[in-house]
Protein backbone atom coordinates (compact mmCIF):
# COMPACT_ATOMS: atom_id res chain seq x y z
CA MET A 1 17.25 14.06 -20.68
CA LEU A 2 13.38 13.30 -20.47
CA LYS A 3 13.75 9.86 -21.50
CA LYS A 4 16.53 9.19 -19.05
CA ILE A 5 14.52 10.68 -16.35
CA SER A 6 11.43 8.62 -17.16
CA GLY A 7 13.50 5.49 -17.23
CA LEU A 8 14.38 5.99 -13.64
CA GLY A 9 11.13 7.34 -12.44
CA ALA A 10 8.67 4.73 -14.16
CA PRO A 11 9.80 1.70 -12.25
CA VAL A 12 9.75 3.53 -8.92
CA ALA A 13 6.18 4.89 -9.70
CA LEU A 14 4.98 1.26 -10.62
CA GLN A 15 6.30 -0.03 -7.50
CA TYR A 16 4.74 2.63 -5.42
CA ILE A 17 1.38 2.12 -6.97
CA PHE A 18 1.40 -1.71 -6.48
CA GLU A 19 2.49 -1.28 -2.79
CA VAL A 20 -0.30 1.36 -2.07
CA SER A 21 -2.61 -0.92 -3.86
CA ALA A 22 -1.79 -4.15 -1.76
CA PHE A 23 -2.15 -2.13 1.59
CA SER A 24 -5.48 -0.67 0.34
CA GLY A 25 -6.63 -4.11 -0.55
CA ALA A 26 -5.88 -5.70 2.78
CA VAL A 27 -7.61 -2.86 4.48
CA ILE A 28 -10.75 -3.44 2.37
CA MET A 29 -10.49 -7.21 3.06
CA ALA A 30 -10.26 -6.65 6.76
CA GLY A 31 -13.32 -4.42 6.64
CA TRP A 32 -15.16 -7.32 5.26
CA LEU A 33 -14.62 -9.08 8.51
CA GLY A 34 -15.76 -6.15 10.84
CA SER A 35 -14.80 -3.00 12.17
CA GLU A 36 -13.08 -4.56 15.09
CA GLU A 37 -10.94 -6.53 12.80
CA GLN A 38 -10.14 -3.53 10.54
CA ALA A 39 -9.15 -1.42 13.66
CA ALA A 40 -6.84 -4.40 14.59
CA HIS A 41 -5.25 -4.56 11.35
CA GLN A 42 -4.60 -0.71 11.37
CA ILE A 43 -3.08 -1.29 14.84
CA ALA A 44 -0.74 -4.12 13.46
CA ILE A 45 0.38 -1.97 10.51
CA SER A 46 1.07 1.07 12.72
CA TRP A 47 2.83 -0.89 15.31
CA PRO A 48 6.68 -0.04 15.67
CA PRO A 49 8.89 -2.99 14.88
């Protein structure tokens, strides 16, 4: 049973880790440009579609 649950959960966990890492990396890179650029990036990410 644990093997079956791990088989479902592991790919989802890896996808979540990669997604969070990508967004965190983008915030860090925007911060290298300056605080105004980082704020603009945060607004763009939060803007409703």
